Protein backbone atom coordinates (compact mmCIF):
# COMPACT_ATOMS: atom_id res chain seq x y z
CA MET A 1 4.27 5.59 10.65
CA GLU A 2 3.93 5.44 14.40
CA GLU A 3 2.98 9.13 14.57
CA VAL A 4 0.35 8.68 11.85
CA ALA A 5 -1.04 5.57 13.56
CA ALA A 6 -1.29 7.46 16.86
CA LEU A 7 -3.84 9.82 15.25
CA LEU A 8 -6.23 6.99 14.38
CA PRO A 9 -9.06 5.83 16.66
CA PRO A 10 -8.15 3.19 19.27
CA GLY A 11 -8.55 -0.36 17.98
CA SER A 12 -7.59 0.58 14.40
CA THR A 13 -5.81 -2.02 12.31
CA ALA A 14 -3.05 -1.61 9.73
CA PHE A 15 -2.16 -3.27 6.44
CA GLU A 16 1.05 -3.10 4.43
CA PHE A 17 2.19 -4.15 1.00
CA GLY A 18 5.71 -5.29 1.84
CA SER A 19 7.44 -6.03 5.13
CA GLY A 20 10.43 -4.86 7.11
CA ARG A 21 11.00 -2.42 9.95
CA SER A 22 7.64 -0.83 9.18
CA THR A 23 5.97 -4.15 10.08
CA HIS A 24 7.17 -3.79 13.66
CA SER A 25 6.19 -0.10 13.80
CA LEU A 26 2.68 -1.04 12.72
CA ARG A 27 2.54 -3.82 15.32
CA ARG A 28 3.57 -1.37 18.05
CA THR A 29 0.90 1.17 17.16
CA SER A 30 -2.13 -0.75 15.91
CA ALA A 31 -4.56 -3.31 17.28
CA GLY A 32 -3.56 -5.68 14.48
CA ALA A 33 -1.16 -5.46 11.55
CA ALA A 34 -1.29 -7.41 8.29
CA SER A 35 1.73 -7.65 5.99
CA ILE A 36 1.86 -9.27 2.60
CA GLU A 37 5.13 -9.94 0.86
CA ASP A 38 6.03 -11.66 -2.40
CA SER A 39 9.17 -13.26 -0.91
CA ALA A 40 8.97 -15.89 1.84
CA ASP A 41 12.68 -15.34 2.54
CA TRP A 42 12.20 -11.60 3.07
CA LEU A 43 9.15 -12.20 5.28
CA ASP A 44 11.22 -14.61 7.42
CA ARG A 45 14.01 -12.02 7.70
CA THR A 46 11.45 -9.42 8.80
CA GLU A 47 10.41 -11.67 11.69
CA GLN A 48 14.08 -12.10 12.70
CA LEU A 49 15.00 -8.37 12.74
CA GLU A 50 16.79 -7.16 15.83
CA GLY A 51 14.29 -5.63 18.25
CA SER A 52 11.36 -7.13 16.36
CA LEU A 53 8.01 -7.69 18.02
CA PRO A 54 6.60 -11.20 17.94
CA LYS A 55 3.47 -11.70 15.88
CA ARG A 56 0.31 -11.44 17.99
CA ASP A 57 -2.93 -13.34 17.41
CA SER A 58 -4.37 -10.18 15.84
CA ASP A 59 -1.46 -9.90 13.37
CA PHE A 60 -1.26 -11.55 9.98
CA SER A 61 1.52 -12.01 7.48
CA GLY A 62 1.47 -13.96 4.30
CA VAL A 63 3.28 -14.59 1.08
CA VAL A 64 1.31 -13.42 -1.94
CA PRO A 65 3.38 -14.04 -5.07
CA LEU A 66 3.37 -11.40 -7.77
CA THR A 67 1.23 -12.64 -10.63
CA ARG A 68 0.73 -11.35 -14.14
CA CYS A 69 -2.33 -9.16 -14.44
CA TRP A 70 -3.63 -6.15 -16.33
CA ASN A 71 -3.57 -2.64 -14.96
CA ARG A 72 -5.75 -0.54 -17.24
CA LEU A 73 -4.67 -2.26 -20.48
CA ARG A 74 -1.06 -2.49 -19.30
CA PRO A 75 0.45 -5.89 -18.45
CA ILE A 76 2.19 -5.95 -15.06
CA GLU A 77 3.01 -8.30 -12.22
CA SER A 78 1.43 -7.39 -8.92
CA PHE A 79 -0.18 -8.74 -5.76
CA ASN A 80 -3.40 -10.60 -6.54
CA VAL A 81 -4.99 -9.75 -3.20
CA ALA A 82 -8.47 -10.46 -4.57
CA ALA A 83 -7.52 -14.17 -4.74
CA GLN A 84 -6.34 -14.16 -1.11
CA ARG A 85 -9.50 -13.88 1.01
CA GLU A 86 -7.76 -13.24 4.36
CA SER A 87 -5.55 -10.52 2.86
CA LEU A 88 -8.47 -8.84 1.08
CA LEU A 89 -10.63 -8.78 4.24
CA ARG A 90 -7.80 -7.27 6.28
CA LEU A 91 -7.17 -4.64 3.58
CA GLN A 92 -10.88 -3.71 3.54
CA GLN A 93 -10.88 -3.22 7.34
CA ALA A 94 -7.56 -1.40 7.81
CA LYS A 95 -7.54 2.24 8.86
CA LEU A 96 -3.83 2.64 8.04
CA ILE A 97 -2.39 1.19 4.84
CA LEU A 98 1.26 1.38 3.80
CA VAL A 99 2.19 0.77 0.16
CA ASP A 100 5.92 0.01 0.31
CA SER A 101 6.13 -2.81 -2.24
CA PRO A 102 6.59 -3.91 -5.01
CA PRO A 103 9.62 -1.75 -5.86
CA ASN A 104 8.81 -1.32 -9.58
CA PRO A 105 6.69 1.87 -10.04
CA ALA A 106 4.13 0.26 -12.39
CA LYS A 107 3.59 -2.59 -9.94
CA ARG A 108 3.42 -0.18 -7.01
CA GLU A 109 0.78 1.86 -8.85
CA HIS A 110 -1.40 -1.25 -9.01
CA ALA A 111 -0.95 -1.83 -5.25
CA LEU A 112 -1.82 1.82 -4.52
CA PHE A 113 -4.90 1.66 -6.75
CA LEU A 114 -6.01 -1.52 -4.97
CA ALA A 115 -5.45 0.11 -1.55
CA LEU A 116 -7.33 3.28 -2.51
CA ASP A 117 -10.20 1.27 -3.97
CA GLN A 118 -10.58 -1.26 -1.14
CA ALA A 119 -9.85 0.92 1.92
CA PRO A 120 -12.79 1.95 4.09
CA ALA A 121 -13.81 5.61 4.35
CA GLY A 122 -11.64 7.36 6.92
CA ALA A 123 -8.58 5.23 6.12
CA VAL A 124 -5.14 6.75 5.70
CA ILE A 125 -3.10 5.32 2.82
CA VAL A 126 0.64 6.06 2.80
CA LEU A 127 2.71 5.61 -0.37
CA ASP A 128 6.47 5.36 0.08
CA ASP A 129 9.24 6.51 -2.29
CA LEU A 130 7.75 9.54 -4.02
CA GLU A 131 11.31 10.69 -4.75
CA VAL A 132 11.06 8.21 -7.67
CA SER A 133 9.62 10.41 -10.45
CA ALA A 134 7.34 7.71 -11.93
CA THR A 135 5.87 7.02 -8.47
CA SER A 136 5.36 10.73 -7.84
CA ARG A 137 3.63 11.16 -11.24
CA PHE A 138 1.05 8.43 -10.71
CA ALA A 139 0.40 9.45 -7.07
CA HIS A 140 -0.31 13.03 -8.12
CA ARG A 141 -2.42 11.84 -11.07
CA LEU A 142 -4.55 9.55 -8.89
CA ALA A 143 -4.93 12.36 -6.33
CA ARG A 144 -6.12 14.80 -9.04
CA GLN A 145 -8.43 12.33 -10.79
CA ASN A 146 -10.05 11.25 -7.50
CA ALA A 147 -9.99 14.57 -5.60
CA ASP A 148 -13.69 14.23 -4.75
CA ARG A 149 -12.92 11.07 -2.71
CA PHE A 150 -9.45 11.71 -1.25
CA ARG A 151 -7.33 14.40 0.33
CA PHE A 152 -3.63 14.19 -0.57
CA TRP A 153 -0.49 15.52 1.14
CA LEU A 154 3.25 15.16 0.67
CA LEU A 155 5.45 14.48 3.69
CA GLU A 156 9.17 15.18 3.48
CA ILE A 157 10.12 12.34 5.84
CA ASP A 158 12.93 9.90 5.04
CA HIS A 159 12.02 9.29 1.38
CA GLN A 160 9.16 11.48 0.35
CA LEU A 161 5.78 10.02 1.32
CA GLY A 162 2.37 10.59 -0.25
CA VAL A 163 -0.56 10.46 2.17
CA PHE A 164 -4.14 9.90 1.03
CA LEU A 165 -7.14 10.27 3.35
CA LYS A 166 -10.17 8.44 1.96
CA LEU A 167 -13.27 10.57 2.41
CA ARG A 168 -15.89 8.39 0.72
CA ALA A 169 -16.35 5.23 -1.33
CA GLY A 170 -16.98 5.29 -5.06
CA LYS A 171 -15.54 4.23 -8.40
CA MET A 172 -11.82 4.90 -8.77
CA ARG A 173 -10.61 6.77 -11.82
CA SER A 174 -7.22 6.15 -13.40
CA ARG A 175 -6.38 7.60 -16.78
CA PRO A 176 -2.60 7.26 -17.24
CA SER A 177 -0.73 9.73 -19.39
CA PHE A 178 0.74 8.49 -22.67
CA ARG A 179 4.20 8.56 -21.05
CA GLU A 180 3.03 6.36 -18.14
CA PHE A 181 1.21 3.98 -20.47
CA VAL A 182 4.22 3.46 -22.76
CA GLY A 183 6.63 3.26 -19.79
CA ALA A 184 4.61 0.44 -18.24
CA TRP A 185 4.63 -1.50 -21.52
CA LEU A 186 8.40 -1.09 -21.85
CA ARG A 187 9.05 -2.23 -18.24
CA ALA A 188 6.76 -5.30 -18.59
């Protein structure tokens, strides 16, 4: 993450769905880092990690509980960032976005869709855990269906990462396969 952040213009901010060691990497390399987490306990543990950086005035972290919502006719629980004004504004301004939570693939798809939709042009969106086949399927599908707005790469670092570069704004497309649709219903 630090190498990716180093490529961004000075003064760029970061946003992450989740928290952990990546939170401190983003704080080291960005002008401001925002982290949202569904667990207050986990967020507290993130702040207490060995070698952690203290939160600066430009940093933000908050607990956003997972709430039941619909993801293209599929019921899921995900971050309702739209109801959290501070989180939404920071997401819309971030030039580097990490989607590393929630762990369930259907819920993570919703977070990725939200990041891709709300990110400004020129933002880099990184999706963690593409070694999970369901996560890899929806990342590749979203990349194909929105190829006119994003460039997509795979990085074989740690767990496989998917990297999206947002080229322009516009309406997001997401047409899940029958397998993805049924899988989301069964996991809900």
